[in-house]
Amino acid sequence: MITVKRINGKPLVINAELIRTVEENPDTTIKLINGDHIIVQESMADIVSKVIEYGRYLRKLIPPS
């Protein structure tokens, strides 16, 4: 899960695994796999960094096989 802020400043938690695309023109829009769109304050680069960090965190929790 990643935390972002909507355009109005209210925080929102999104399941990073449900993100299909992130676009910036000029507002950052996150499109989820269910078709929902969320416009956020963070830049596209910030969203990508948060998703990568989330993925690394998850891999730490899984013991090696």
PDB file of N, CA and C in Angstrom:
ATOM      1  N   MET A   1       0.840  -1.172   0.000  1.00  0.00           N
ATOM      2  CA  MET A   1       0.000   0.000   0.000  1.00  0.00           C
ATOM      3  C   MET A   1       0.893   1.245   0.000  1.00  0.00           C
ATOM      4  N   ILE A   2       0.473   2.248  -0.748  1.00  0.00           N
ATOM      5  CA  ILE A   2       1.200   3.518  -0.765  1.00  0.00           C
ATOM      6  C   ILE A   2       0.240   4.639  -0.379  1.00  0.00           C
ATOM      7  N   THR A   3       0.785   5.667   0.253  1.00  0.00           N
ATOM      8  CA  THR A   3      -0.014   6.814   0.659  1.00  0.00           C
ATOM      9  C   THR A   3       0.243   7.962  -0.315  1.00  0.00           C
ATOM     10  N   VAL A   4      -0.844   8.557  -0.788  1.00  0.00           N
ATOM     11  CA  VAL A   4      -0.776   9.706  -1.691  1.00  0.00           C
ATOM     12  C   VAL A   4      -1.771  10.751  -1.192  1.00  0.00           C
ATOM     13  N   LYS A   5      -1.720  11.937  -1.781  1.00  0.00           N
ATOM     14  CA  LYS A   5      -2.678  12.990  -1.437  1.00  0.00           C
ATOM     15  C   LYS A   5      -3.486  13.348  -2.666  1.00  0.00           C
ATOM     16  N   ARG A   6      -4.797  13.388  -2.482  1.00  0.00           N
ATOM     17  CA  ARG A   6      -5.670  13.850  -3.557  1.00  0.00           C
ATOM     18  C   ARG A   6      -5.371  15.324  -3.837  1.00  0.00           C
ATOM     19  N   ILE A   7      -5.902  15.848  -4.909  1.00  0.00           N
ATOM     20  CA  ILE A   7      -5.709  17.253  -5.264  1.00  0.00           C
ATOM     21  C   ILE A   7      -6.168  18.178  -4.135  1.00  0.00           C
ATOM     22  N   ASN A   8      -7.220  17.779  -3.410  1.00  0.00           N
ATOM     23  CA  ASN A   8      -7.732  18.622  -2.321  1.00  0.00           C
ATOM     24  C   ASN A   8      -6.921  18.495  -1.034  1.00  0.00           C
ATOM     25  N   GLY A   9      -5.856  17.692  -1.052  1.00  0.00           N
ATOM     26  CA  GLY A   9      -4.977  17.557   0.107  1.00  0.00           C
ATOM     27  C   GLY A   9      -5.298  16.410   1.039  1.00  0.00           C
ATOM     28  N   LYS A  10      -6.414  15.724   0.822  1.00  0.00           N
ATOM     29  CA  LYS A  10      -6.780  14.614   1.691  1.00  0.00           C
ATOM     30  C   LYS A  10      -5.936  13.383   1.359  1.00  0.00           C
ATOM     31  N   PRO A  11      -5.372  12.732   2.401  1.00  0.00           N
ATOM     32  CA  PRO A  11      -4.553  11.541   2.158  1.00  0.00           C
ATOM     33  C   PRO A  11      -5.410  10.349   1.724  1.00  0.00           C
ATOM     34  N   LEU A  12      -4.781   9.474   0.964  1.00  0.00           N
ATOM     35  CA  LEU A  12      -5.455   8.296   0.425  1.00  0.00           C
ATOM     36  C   LEU A  12      -4.427   7.177   0.350  1.00  0.00           C
ATOM     37  N   VAL A  13      -4.835   5.971   0.693  1.00  0.00           N
ATOM     38  CA  VAL A  13      -3.962   4.810   0.593  1.00  0.00           C
ATOM     39  C   VAL A  13      -4.429   3.963  -0.581  1.00  0.00           C
ATOM     40  N   ILE A  14      -3.490   3.618  -1.456  1.00  0.00           N
ATOM     41  CA  ILE A  14      -3.793   2.843  -2.660  1.00  0.00           C
ATOM     42  C   ILE A  14      -2.996   1.544  -2.631  1.00  0.00           C
ATOM     43  N   ASN A  15      -3.632   0.458  -3.029  1.00  0.00           N
ATOM     44  CA  ASN A  15      -2.919  -0.804  -3.194  1.00  0.00           C
ATOM     45  C   ASN A  15      -2.049  -0.676  -4.439  1.00  0.00           C
ATOM     46  N   ALA A  16      -0.742  -0.659  -4.263  1.00  0.00           N
ATOM     47  CA  ALA A  16       0.199  -0.445  -5.364  1.00  0.00           C
ATOM     48  C   ALA A  16       0.086  -1.535  -6.435  1.00  0.00           C
ATOM     49  N   GLU A  17      -0.375  -2.697  -6.056  1.00  0.00           N
ATOM     50  CA  GLU A  17      -0.486  -3.798  -7.014  1.00  0.00           C
ATOM     51  C   GLU A  17      -1.674  -3.619  -7.963  1.00  0.00           C
ATOM     52  N   LEU A  18      -2.550  -2.666  -7.685  1.00  0.00           N
ATOM     53  CA  LEU A  18      -3.711  -2.424  -8.544  1.00  0.00           C
ATOM     54  C   LEU A  18      -3.502  -1.283  -9.530  1.00  0.00           C
ATOM     55  N   ILE A  19      -2.313  -0.675  -9.517  1.00  0.00           N
ATOM     56  CA  ILE A  19      -2.040   0.433 -10.425  1.00  0.00           C
ATOM     57  C   ILE A  19      -1.742  -0.106 -11.822  1.00  0.00           C
ATOM     58  N   ARG A  20      -2.478   0.402 -12.801  1.00  0.00           N
ATOM     59  CA  ARG A  20      -2.233   0.027 -14.203  1.00  0.00           C
ATOM     60  C   ARG A  20      -1.281   1.023 -14.851  1.00  0.00           C
ATOM     61  N   THR A  21      -1.603   2.324 -14.755  1.00  0.00           N
ATOM     62  CA  THR A  21      -0.745   3.356 -15.341  1.00  0.00           C
ATOM     63  C   THR A  21      -0.722   4.591 -14.460  1.00  0.00           C
ATOM     64  N   VAL A  22       0.327   5.394 -14.671  1.00  0.00           N
ATOM     65  CA  VAL A  22       0.439   6.704 -14.032  1.00  0.00           C
ATOM     66  C   VAL A  22       0.797   7.683 -15.137  1.00  0.00           C
ATOM     67  N   GLU A  23       0.013   8.770 -15.248  1.00  0.00           N
ATOM     68  CA  GLU A  23       0.251   9.783 -16.280  1.00  0.00           C
ATOM     69  C   GLU A  23       0.386  11.148 -15.630  1.00  0.00           C
ATOM     70  N   GLU A  24       1.119  12.023 -16.311  1.00  0.00           N
ATOM     71  CA  GLU A  24       1.312  13.380 -15.813  1.00  0.00           C
ATOM     72  C   GLU A  24       1.064  14.340 -16.976  1.00  0.00           C
ATOM     73  N   ASN A  25      -0.081  15.047 -16.948  1.00  0.00           N
ATOM     74  CA  ASN A  25      -0.374  16.003 -18.034  1.00  0.00           C
ATOM     75  C   ASN A  25      -1.436  17.020 -17.639  1.00  0.00           C
ATOM     76  N   PRO A  26      -1.211  18.074 -16.939  1.00  0.00           N
ATOM     77  CA  PRO A  26      -0.105  18.290 -16.027  1.00  0.00           C
ATOM     78  C   PRO A  26      -0.344  17.646 -14.668  1.00  0.00           C
ATOM     79  N   ASP A  27      -1.608  17.353 -14.331  1.00  0.00           N
ATOM     80  CA  ASP A  27      -1.878  16.674 -13.051  1.00  0.00           C
ATOM     81  C   ASP A  27      -1.502  15.203 -13.159  1.00  0.00           C
ATOM     82  N   THR A  28      -1.090  14.633 -12.037  1.00  0.00           N
ATOM     83  CA  THR A  28      -0.739  13.217 -12.009  1.00  0.00           C
ATOM     84  C   THR A  28      -2.015  12.405 -11.820  1.00  0.00           C
ATOM     85  N   THR A  29      -2.266  11.513 -12.763  1.00  0.00           N
ATOM     86  CA  THR A  29      -3.454  10.659 -12.731  1.00  0.00           C
ATOM     87  C   THR A  29      -3.026   9.206 -12.621  1.00  0.00           C
ATOM     88  N   ILE A  30      -3.564   8.523 -11.608  1.00  0.00           N
ATOM     89  CA  ILE A  30      -3.304   7.101 -11.427  1.00  0.00           C
ATOM     90  C   ILE A  30      -4.521   6.346 -11.928  1.00  0.00           C
ATOM     91  N   LYS A  31      -4.310   5.412 -12.849  1.00  0.00           N
ATOM     92  CA  LYS A  31      -5.398   4.577 -13.351  1.00  0.00           C
ATOM     93  C   LYS A  31      -5.218   3.180 -12.761  1.00  0.00           C
ATOM     94  N   LEU A  32      -6.281   2.680 -12.138  1.00  0.00           N
ATOM     95  CA  LEU A  32      -6.253   1.360 -11.521  1.00  0.00           C
ATOM     96  C   LEU A  32      -6.760   0.300 -12.494  1.00  0.00           C
ATOM     97  N   ILE A  33      -6.489  -0.968 -12.189  1.00  0.00           N
ATOM     98  CA  ILE A  33      -6.885  -2.043 -13.097  1.00  0.00           C
ATOM     99  C   ILE A  33      -8.402  -2.179 -13.217  1.00  0.00           C
ATOM    100  N   ASN A  34      -9.149  -1.638 -12.248  1.00  0.00           N
ATOM    101  CA  ASN A  34     -10.609  -1.702 -12.338  1.00  0.00           C
ATOM    102  C   ASN A  34     -11.191  -0.532 -13.137  1.00  0.00           C
ATOM    103  N   GLY A  35     -10.307   0.353 -13.657  1.00  0.00           N
ATOM    104  CA  GLY A  35     -10.758   1.476 -14.473  1.00  0.00           C
ATOM    105  C   GLY A  35     -10.905   2.787 -13.729  1.00  0.00           C
ATOM    106  N   ASP A  36     -10.816   2.761 -12.399  1.00  0.00           N
ATOM    107  CA  ASP A  36     -10.908   3.998 -11.620  1.00  0.00           C
ATOM    108  C   ASP A  36      -9.706   4.891 -11.899  1.00  0.00           C
ATOM    109  N   HIS A  37      -9.936   6.213 -11.847  1.00  0.00           N
ATOM    110  CA  HIS A  37      -8.885   7.203 -12.018  1.00  0.00           C
ATOM    111  C   HIS A  37      -8.800   8.027 -10.741  1.00  0.00           C
ATOM    112  N   ILE A  38      -7.580   8.289 -10.276  1.00  0.00           N
ATOM    113  CA  ILE A  38      -7.370   9.102  -9.086  1.00  0.00           C
ATOM    114  C   ILE A  38      -6.360  10.181  -9.442  1.00  0.00           C
ATOM    115  N   ILE A  39      -6.714  11.447  -9.219  1.00  0.00           N
ATOM    116  CA  ILE A  39      -5.805  12.561  -9.475  1.00  0.00           C
ATOM    117  C   ILE A  39      -5.148  12.928  -8.153  1.00  0.00           C
ATOM    118  N   VAL A  40      -3.808  12.964  -8.156  1.00  0.00           N
ATOM    119  CA  VAL A  40      -3.055  13.176  -6.920  1.00  0.00           C
ATOM    120  C   VAL A  40      -2.072  14.333  -7.059  1.00  0.00           C
ATOM    121  N   GLN A  41      -1.558  14.794  -5.902  1.00  0.00           N
ATOM    122  CA  GLN A  41      -0.600  15.903  -5.867  1.00  0.00           C
ATOM    123  C   GLN A  41       0.817  15.461  -6.222  1.00  0.00           C
ATOM    124  N   GLU A  42       1.166  14.223  -5.934  1.00  0.00           N
ATOM    125  CA  GLU A  42       2.525  13.742  -6.141  1.00  0.00           C
ATOM    126  C   GLU A  42       2.872  13.693  -7.630  1.00  0.00           C
ATOM    127  N   SER A  43       4.149  13.801  -7.929  1.00  0.00           N
ATOM    128  CA  SER A  43       4.599  13.681  -9.313  1.00  0.00           C
ATOM    129  C   SER A  43       4.616  12.206  -9.726  1.00  0.00           C
ATOM    130  N   MET A  44       4.700  11.966 -11.017  1.00  0.00           N
ATOM    131  CA  MET A  44       4.772  10.597 -11.518  1.00  0.00           C
ATOM    132  C   MET A  44       6.018   9.907 -10.954  1.00  0.00           C
ATOM    133  N   ALA A  45       7.141  10.620 -10.898  1.00  0.00           N
ATOM    134  CA  ALA A  45       8.371  10.044 -10.361  1.00  0.00           C
ATOM    135  C   ALA A  45       8.214   9.653  -8.894  1.00  0.00           C
ATOM    136  N   ASP A  46       7.492  10.459  -8.113  1.00  0.00           N
ATOM    137  CA  ASP A  46       7.248  10.129  -6.707  1.00  0.00           C
ATOM    138  C   ASP A  46       6.414   8.855  -6.580  1.00  0.00           C
ATOM    139  N   ILE A  47       5.402   8.716  -7.415  1.00  0.00           N
ATOM    140  CA  ILE A  47       4.553   7.518  -7.374  1.00  0.00           C
ATOM    141  C   ILE A  47       5.376   6.284  -7.720  1.00  0.00           C
ATOM    142  N   VAL A  48       6.188   6.386  -8.770  1.00  0.00           N
ATOM    143  CA  VAL A  48       7.034   5.258  -9.171  1.00  0.00           C
ATOM    144  C   VAL A  48       7.974   4.881  -8.030  1.00  0.00           C
ATOM    145  N   SER A  49       8.581   5.854  -7.383  1.00  0.00           N
ATOM    146  CA  SER A  49       9.482   5.579  -6.257  1.00  0.00           C
ATOM    147  C   SER A  49       8.755   4.885  -5.114  1.00  0.00           C
ATOM    148  N   LYS A  50       7.554   5.332  -4.811  1.00  0.00           N
ATOM    149  CA  LYS A  50       6.779   4.715  -3.731  1.00  0.00           C
ATOM    150  C   LYS A  50       6.425   3.270  -4.061  1.00  0.00           C
ATOM    151  N   VAL A  51       6.080   3.003  -5.315  1.00  0.00           N
ATOM    152  CA  VAL A  51       5.723   1.639  -5.717  1.00  0.00           C
ATOM    153  C   VAL A  51       6.951   0.736  -5.650  1.00  0.00           C
ATOM    154  N   ILE A  52       8.101   1.233  -6.095  1.00  0.00           N
ATOM    155  CA  ILE A  52       9.338   0.447  -6.011  1.00  0.00           C
ATOM    156  C   ILE A  52       9.688   0.152  -4.557  1.00  0.00           C
ATOM    157  N   GLU A  53       9.590   1.155  -3.700  1.00  0.00           N
ATOM    158  CA  GLU A  53       9.867   0.971  -2.272  1.00  0.00           C
ATOM    159  C   GLU A  53       8.917  -0.062  -1.665  1.00  0.00           C
ATOM    160  N   TYR A  54       7.648   0.001  -2.041  1.00  0.00           N
ATOM    161  CA  TYR A  54       6.658  -0.958  -1.552  1.00  0.00           C
ATOM    162  C   TYR A  54       7.031  -2.378  -1.989  1.00  0.00           C
ATOM    163  N   GLY A  55       7.433  -2.543  -3.251  1.00  0.00           N
ATOM    164  CA  GLY A  55       7.825  -3.858  -3.757  1.00  0.00           C
ATOM    165  C   GLY A  55       9.043  -4.404  -3.027  1.00  0.00           C
ATOM    166  N   ARG A  56      10.001  -3.551  -2.751  1.00  0.00           N
ATOM    167  CA  ARG A  56      11.193  -3.978  -2.008  1.00  0.00           C
ATOM    168  C   ARG A  56      10.824  -4.397  -0.593  1.00  0.00           C
ATOM    169  N   TYR A  57       9.922  -3.663   0.020  1.00  0.00           N
ATOM    170  CA  TYR A  57       9.457  -3.998   1.368  1.00  0.00           C
ATOM    171  C   TYR A  57       8.811  -5.375   1.368  1.00  0.00           C
ATOM    172  N   LEU A  58       7.978  -5.656   0.371  1.00  0.00           N
ATOM    173  CA  LEU A  58       7.307  -6.959   0.309  1.00  0.00           C
ATOM    174  C   LEU A  58       8.307  -8.096   0.133  1.00  0.00           C
ATOM    175  N   ARG A  59       9.314  -7.898  -0.696  1.00  0.00           N
ATOM    176  CA  ARG A  59      10.303  -8.952  -0.946  1.00  0.00           C
ATOM    177  C   ARG A  59      11.111  -9.263   0.325  1.00  0.00           C
ATOM    178  N   LYS A  60      11.283  -8.282   1.208  1.00  0.00           N
ATOM    179  CA  LYS A  60      11.974  -8.524   2.471  1.00  0.00           C
ATOM    180  C   LYS A  60      11.174  -9.464   3.366  1.00  0.00           C
ATOM    181  N   LEU A  61       9.851  -9.424   3.249  1.00  0.00           N
ATOM    182  CA  LEU A  61       8.992 -10.225   4.115  1.00  0.00           C
ATOM    183  C   LEU A  61       8.915 -11.681   3.673  1.00  0.00           C
ATOM    184  N   ILE A  62       9.264 -11.959   2.421  1.00  0.00           N
ATOM    185  CA  ILE A  62       9.171 -13.325   1.902  1.00  0.00           C
ATOM    186  C   ILE A  62      10.513 -14.020   2.080  1.00  0.00           C
ATOM    187  N   PRO A  63      10.538 -15.138   2.815  1.00  0.00           N
ATOM    188  CA  PRO A  63      11.811 -15.839   2.991  1.00  0.00           C
ATOM    189  C   PRO A  63      12.300 -16.450   1.671  1.00  0.00           C
ATOM    190  N   PRO A  64      13.609 -16.512   1.473  1.00  0.00           N
ATOM    191  CA  PRO A  64      14.122 -17.088   0.217  1.00  0.00           C
ATOM    192  C   PRO A  64      13.753 -18.551   0.090  1.00  0.00           C
ATOM    193  N   SER A  65      13.534 -19.001  -1.150  1.00  0.00           N
ATOM    194  CA  SER A  65      13.145 -20.414  -1.345  1.00  0.00           C
ATOM    195  C   SER A  65      14.351 -21.288  -1.584  1.00  0.00           C
TER     196      SER A  65
END
